[in-house]
């Protein structure tokens, strides 16, 4: 029996989300210590939620469950944009860092929307069979 090498870890959207998670973790190390349990914690949790929900959805049996977890991941990405806006407003990051990271987040959202569309198509096609 051959081993299936396809896992959530091979999904481009998960790979890009993992890179973002690591970037957010590094970025938040430069925030003030008073933000450790406030904005920093929220940013790290939101970025971890993205990869965790993509992985959990991948492990679900039904397409609809996978889609729902992807939607939760998408919500966490939008939450992360809001946290970045707060970091910008509090002068923890500058405008260039904000624009670059926001652009990367929007790219991940685009990938996630494509994955959701793929899953929806698979779900629909499975019903037709």
Protein backbone atom coordinates (compact mmCIF):
# COMPACT_ATOMS: atom_id res chain seq x y z
CA UNK A 1 0.00 0.00 0.00
CA UNK A 2 1.49 3.36 -1.02
CA UNK A 3 1.58 6.22 1.42
CA UNK A 4 -0.45 9.30 0.51
CA UNK A 5 1.95 12.23 0.76
CA UNK A 6 -0.77 14.84 0.47
CA UNK A 7 -1.54 16.49 3.80
CA UNK A 8 -2.60 19.93 4.92
CA UNK A 9 1.13 20.72 5.05
CA UNK A 10 1.27 20.56 1.25
CA UNK A 11 -1.51 23.13 0.76
CA UNK A 12 -0.13 26.43 -0.52
CA UNK A 13 -2.57 28.33 1.69
CA UNK A 14 -1.32 26.51 4.81
CA UNK A 15 2.34 27.06 3.82
CA UNK A 16 1.77 30.81 3.33
CA UNK A 17 -0.22 30.98 6.57
CA UNK A 18 2.61 29.27 8.42
CA UNK A 19 5.06 31.84 7.06
CA UNK A 20 2.71 34.60 8.24
CA UNK A 21 2.39 32.98 11.68
CA UNK A 22 6.18 32.95 12.03
CA UNK A 23 6.43 36.53 10.78
CA UNK A 24 3.85 37.73 13.30
CA UNK A 25 5.66 35.90 16.09
CA UNK A 26 8.94 37.64 15.20
CA UNK A 27 7.30 41.03 14.73
CA UNK A 28 5.53 40.93 18.07
CA UNK A 29 8.83 40.39 19.91
CA UNK A 30 9.57 44.06 19.25
CA UNK A 31 6.39 45.30 20.93
CA UNK A 32 6.53 46.83 24.39
CA UNK A 33 6.39 44.48 27.35
CA UNK A 34 3.10 46.02 28.48
CA UNK A 35 1.52 44.65 25.30
CA UNK A 36 2.71 41.09 25.95
CA UNK A 37 -0.67 39.91 27.21
CA UNK A 38 -2.75 42.27 25.15
CA UNK A 39 -2.10 43.05 21.49
CA UNK A 40 0.87 40.70 21.10
CA UNK A 41 -1.08 37.77 22.51
CA UNK A 42 -4.08 38.54 20.29
CA UNK A 43 -1.93 38.76 17.15
CA UNK A 44 -0.17 35.49 17.88
CA UNK A 45 -3.45 33.73 18.68
CA UNK A 46 -5.09 34.97 15.48
CA UNK A 47 -2.13 33.89 13.33
CA UNK A 48 -2.05 30.46 14.99
CA UNK A 49 -5.78 30.10 14.53
CA UNK A 50 -5.38 30.36 10.77
CA UNK A 51 -3.01 27.40 10.39
CA UNK A 52 -4.80 25.37 13.07
CA UNK A 53 -8.21 25.75 11.43
CA UNK A 54 -6.89 24.91 7.96
CA UNK A 55 -5.30 21.78 9.44
CA UNK A 56 -8.38 20.80 11.42
CA UNK A 57 -10.66 21.33 8.45
CA UNK A 58 -8.40 19.18 6.30
CA UNK A 59 -8.79 16.38 8.80
CA UNK A 60 -12.58 16.46 8.66
CA UNK A 61 -14.45 13.86 6.67
CA UNK A 62 -17.07 16.07 5.02
CA UNK A 63 -16.37 18.91 2.62
CA UNK A 64 -18.80 21.20 4.42
CA UNK A 65 -16.93 20.81 7.71
CA UNK A 66 -13.64 21.61 5.97
CA UNK A 67 -15.23 24.68 4.39
CA UNK A 68 -16.49 25.87 7.78
CA UNK A 69 -13.03 25.62 9.35
CA UNK A 70 -11.61 27.52 6.37
CA UNK A 71 -14.17 30.25 6.96
CA UNK A 72 -13.06 30.47 10.58
CA UNK A 73 -9.44 30.75 9.37
CA UNK A 74 -10.51 33.55 7.02
CA UNK A 75 -12.13 35.37 9.94
CA UNK A 76 -8.88 35.10 11.89
CA UNK A 77 -7.01 36.65 8.96
CA UNK A 78 -9.35 39.65 8.98
CA UNK A 79 -8.94 39.83 12.76
CA UNK A 80 -5.18 39.93 12.22
CA UNK A 81 -5.56 42.90 9.86
CA UNK A 82 -7.42 44.73 12.62
CA UNK A 83 -4.69 43.91 15.14
CA UNK A 84 -2.09 45.21 12.69
CA UNK A 85 -4.08 48.42 12.39
CA UNK A 86 -3.97 48.74 16.18
CA UNK A 87 -0.21 48.12 16.13
CA UNK A 88 0.15 50.86 13.50
CA UNK A 89 -2.03 53.24 15.52
CA UNK A 90 0.05 52.56 18.64
CA UNK A 91 3.29 53.14 16.67
CA UNK A 92 4.57 49.59 17.23
CA UNK A 93 4.96 49.19 13.47
CA UNK A 94 5.42 51.70 10.69
CA UNK A 95 3.26 52.21 7.61
CA UNK A 96 5.55 50.18 5.34
CA UNK A 97 5.50 47.10 7.59
CA UNK A 98 1.73 47.47 7.92
CA UNK A 99 1.22 47.66 4.14
CA UNK A 100 3.54 44.72 3.44
CA UNK A 101 2.01 42.41 6.01
CA UNK A 102 -1.55 43.45 5.11
CA UNK A 103 -0.78 42.72 1.45
CA UNK A 104 0.49 39.27 2.38
CA UNK A 105 -2.60 38.61 4.51
CA UNK A 106 -4.87 39.63 1.61
CA UNK A 107 -2.96 37.19 -0.62
CA UNK A 108 -3.57 34.40 1.91
CA UNK A 109 -7.26 35.33 1.98
CA UNK A 110 -7.32 35.08 -1.82
CA UNK A 111 -5.72 31.62 -1.63
CA UNK A 112 -8.14 30.56 1.09
CA UNK A 113 -11.11 31.75 -0.94
CA UNK A 114 -9.81 29.68 -3.86
CA UNK A 115 -9.49 26.63 -1.63
CA UNK A 116 -13.03 27.14 -0.31
CA UNK A 117 -14.28 27.40 -3.90
CA UNK A 118 -12.43 24.18 -4.77
CA UNK A 119 -13.96 22.39 -1.77
CA UNK A 120 -17.43 23.68 -2.65
CA UNK A 121 -17.04 22.40 -6.20
CA UNK A 122 -15.87 19.00 -4.93
CA UNK A 123 -18.84 18.88 -2.57
CA UNK A 124 -21.26 19.72 -5.37
CA UNK A 125 -19.67 17.22 -7.79
CA UNK A 126 -19.78 14.48 -5.16
CA UNK A 127 -23.53 14.97 -4.79
CA UNK A 128 -24.01 14.66 -8.56
CA UNK A 129 -22.16 11.34 -8.79
